[in-house]
C-alpha atoms as a PDB file:
ATOM      1  CA  MET A   1      -2.506  -8.157 -10.029  1.00  0.00           C
ATOM      2  CA  THR A   2      -5.920  -8.119 -11.632  1.00  0.00           C
ATOM      3  CA  MET A   3      -6.842  -6.185 -14.686  1.00  0.00           C
ATOM      4  CA  ALA A   4      -8.677  -3.664 -12.591  1.00  0.00           C
ATOM      5  CA  ASP A   5      -5.489  -2.989 -10.589  1.00  0.00           C
ATOM      6  CA  ARG A   6      -3.560  -2.479 -13.749  1.00  0.00           C
ATOM      7  CA  ILE A   7      -6.061   0.046 -15.108  1.00  0.00           C
ATOM      8  CA  LEU A   8      -6.157   1.876 -11.800  1.00  0.00           C
ATOM      9  CA  PHE A   9      -2.292   1.875 -11.787  1.00  0.00           C
ATOM     10  CA  ILE A  10      -2.214   3.477 -15.273  1.00  0.00           C
ATOM     11  CA  ILE A  11      -4.882   6.041 -14.362  1.00  0.00           C
ATOM     12  CA  SER A  12      -3.063   6.968 -11.160  1.00  0.00           C
ATOM     13  CA  VAL A  13       0.213   7.456 -12.951  1.00  0.00           C
ATOM     14  CA  VAL A  14      -1.553   9.760 -15.551  1.00  0.00           C
ATOM     15  CA  VAL A  15      -3.246  11.798 -12.813  1.00  0.00           C
ATOM     16  CA  ILE A  16      -0.006  12.208 -10.974  1.00  0.00           C
ATOM     17  CA  VAL A  17       1.836  13.340 -14.057  1.00  0.00           C
ATOM     18  CA  VAL A  18      -0.889  15.799 -15.022  1.00  0.00           C
ATOM     19  CA  ALA A  19      -1.045  17.236 -11.463  1.00  0.00           C
ATOM     20  CA  LEU A  20       2.778  17.721 -11.386  1.00  0.00           C
ATOM     21  CA  ALA A  21       2.762  19.198 -14.895  1.00  0.00           C
ATOM     22  CA  SER A  22       0.024  21.685 -13.821  1.00  0.00           C
ATOM     23  CA  THR A  23       2.105  22.561 -10.770  1.00  0.00           C
ATOM     24  CA  GLY A  24       5.198  23.115 -12.998  1.00  0.00           C
ATOM     25  CA  TRP A  25       3.109  25.265 -15.376  1.00  0.00           C
ATOM     26  CA  LEU A  26       1.804  27.505 -12.512  1.00  0.00           C
ATOM     27  CA  VAL A  27       5.302  28.055 -11.259  1.00  0.00           C
ATOM     28  CA  ALA A  28       6.871  28.639 -14.706  1.00  0.00           C
ATOM     29  CA  SER A  29       4.073  31.064 -15.769  1.00  0.00           C
ATOM     30  CA  GLY A  30       4.212  33.058 -12.502  1.00  0.00           C
ATOM     31  CA  GLN A  31       0.575  32.303 -11.657  1.00  0.00           C
ATOM     32  CA  ALA A  32       1.730  30.614  -8.470  1.00  0.00           C
ATOM     33  CA  LEU A  33       2.354  33.994  -6.897  1.00  0.00           C
ATOM     34  CA  THR A  34      -1.365  34.949  -6.789  1.00  0.00           C
ATOM     35  CA  VAL A  35      -3.750  33.784  -4.220  1.00  0.00           C
ATOM     36  CA  ASP A  36      -5.821  31.704  -6.692  1.00  0.00           C
ATOM     37  CA  GLY A  37      -2.563  30.256  -8.003  1.00  0.00           C
ATOM     38  CA  LEU A  38      -1.417  29.239  -4.552  1.00  0.00           C
ATOM     39  CA  PHE A  39      -4.648  27.444  -3.870  1.00  0.00           C
ATOM     40  CA  LEU A  40      -4.467  25.693  -7.273  1.00  0.00           C
ATOM     41  CA  LEU A  41      -0.897  24.774  -6.528  1.00  0.00           C
ATOM     42  CA  LEU A  42      -1.873  23.328  -3.203  1.00  0.00           C
ATOM     43  CA  THR A  43      -4.761  21.375  -4.794  1.00  0.00           C
ATOM     44  CA  CYS A  44      -2.515  19.890  -7.565  1.00  0.00           C
ATOM     45  CA  GLY A  45       0.013  18.844  -4.918  1.00  0.00           C
ATOM     46  CA  LEU A  46      -2.620  17.249  -2.747  1.00  0.00           C
ATOM     47  CA  VAL A  47      -4.134  15.369  -5.718  1.00  0.00           C
ATOM     48  CA  ALA A  48      -0.702  14.067  -6.678  1.00  0.00           C
ATOM     49  CA  LEU A  49       0.009  13.104  -3.093  1.00  0.00           C
ATOM     50  CA  ALA A  50      -3.240  11.211  -2.753  1.00  0.00           C
ATOM     51  CA  PHE A  51      -2.715   9.204  -5.944  1.00  0.00           C
ATOM     52  CA  ALA A  52       0.952   8.549  -4.988  1.00  0.00           C
ATOM     53  CA  LEU A  53      -0.153   7.077  -1.650  1.00  0.00           C
ATOM     54  CA  TYR A  54      -2.580   4.850  -3.434  1.00  0.00           C
ATOM     55  CA  LEU A  55       0.180   3.688  -5.827  1.00  0.00           C
ATOM     56  CA  TRP A  56       2.453   3.069  -2.869  1.00  0.00           C
ATOM     57  CA  PHE A  57      -0.228   0.854  -1.293  1.00  0.00           C
ATOM     58  CA  LEU A  58      -0.904  -0.979  -4.572  1.00  0.00           C
ATOM     59  CA  ILE A  59       2.711  -1.682  -5.295  1.00  0.00           C
ATOM     60  CA  GLY A  60       3.167  -2.927  -1.657  1.00  0.00           C
ATOM     61  CA  ARG A  61       0.145  -5.202  -2.065  1.00  0.00           C
ATOM     62  CA  ALA A  62       1.504  -6.549  -5.397  1.00  0.00           C
ATOM     63  CA  LEU A  63       4.933  -7.231  -3.930  1.00  0.00           C
ATOM     64  CA  LYS A  64       3.452  -8.996  -0.966  1.00  0.00           C
ATOM     65  CA  ALA A  65       1.427 -11.224  -3.275  1.00  0.00           C
ATOM     66  CA  LEU A  66       4.668 -12.229  -5.080  1.00  0.00           C
ATOM     67  CA  GLN A  67       6.364 -13.530  -1.901  1.00  0.00           C
ATOM     68  CA  PRO A  68       5.998 -17.082  -1.148  1.00  0.00           C
ATOM     69  CA  PRO A  69       4.128 -17.965   2.010  1.00  0.00           C
ATOM     70  CA  PRO A  70       6.320 -18.687   4.994  1.00  0.00           C
ATOM     71  CA  PRO A  71       7.034 -22.410   5.597  1.00  0.00           C
ATOM     72  CA  LYS A  72       5.140 -24.085   8.314  1.00  0.00           C
ATOM     73  CA  ALA A  73       7.356 -24.994  11.242  1.00  0.00           C
ATOM     74  CA  ALA A  74       7.392 -28.680  12.110  1.00  0.00           C
ATOM     75  CA  PRO A  75       6.417 -29.347  15.637  1.00  0.00           C
ATOM     76  CA  SER A  76       9.484 -29.923  17.798  1.00  0.00           C
ATOM     77  CA  ALA A  77      10.143 -33.195  19.474  1.00  0.00           C
ATOM     78  CA  THR A  78      10.114 -31.642  22.941  1.00  0.00           C
ATOM     79  CA  ALA A  79       6.643 -30.169  22.359  1.00  0.00           C
ATOM     80  CA  ALA A  80       5.324 -33.559  21.202  1.00  0.00           C
ATOM     81  CA  ALA A  81       6.889 -35.237  24.208  1.00  0.00           C
ATOM     82  CA  ALA A  82       5.432 -32.732  26.641  1.00  0.00           C
ATOM     83  CA  LYS A  83       1.994 -33.187  25.023  1.00  0.00           C
ATOM     84  CA  LYS A  84       2.156 -36.926  25.506  1.00  0.00           C
ATOM     85  CA  ALA A  85       3.412 -36.763  29.108  1.00  0.00           C
ATOM     86  CA  ALA A  86       0.579 -34.379  30.154  1.00  0.00           C
ATOM     87  CA  PRO A  87      -1.955 -36.163  32.381  1.00  0.00           C
ATOM     88  CA  THR A  88      -5.400 -36.468  31.132  1.00  0.00           C
ATOM     89  CA  PRO A  89      -8.145 -35.025  33.273  1.00  0.00           C
ATOM     90  CA  VAL A  90     -10.025 -37.451  35.478  1.00  0.00           C
ATOM     91  CA  GLU A  91     -13.778 -37.619  35.090  1.00  0.00           C
ATOM     92  CA  ALA A  92     -15.675 -36.846  38.292  1.00  0.00           C
ATOM     93  CA  GLU A  93     -18.147 -39.551  39.337  1.00  0.00           C
END
């Protein structure tokens, strides 16, 4: 994870917390029952969802980078024998 990824992670978490806190405030104060409040509630929810999806992608990418690469399979003996036994093409004269 680079330094830019860490900064974006922190900013994303802050934005999600603020959006969810705004949603909670709209519901607690009763403003969510107005038309303007409903649109603001929807906007806060979509902002939180967008940043949460980015965090999901960021965490998945970081976890994938931590996994060791898969080991390379050794060529089997039968494949090597079949390769040796294959006839070589004859050049046309």
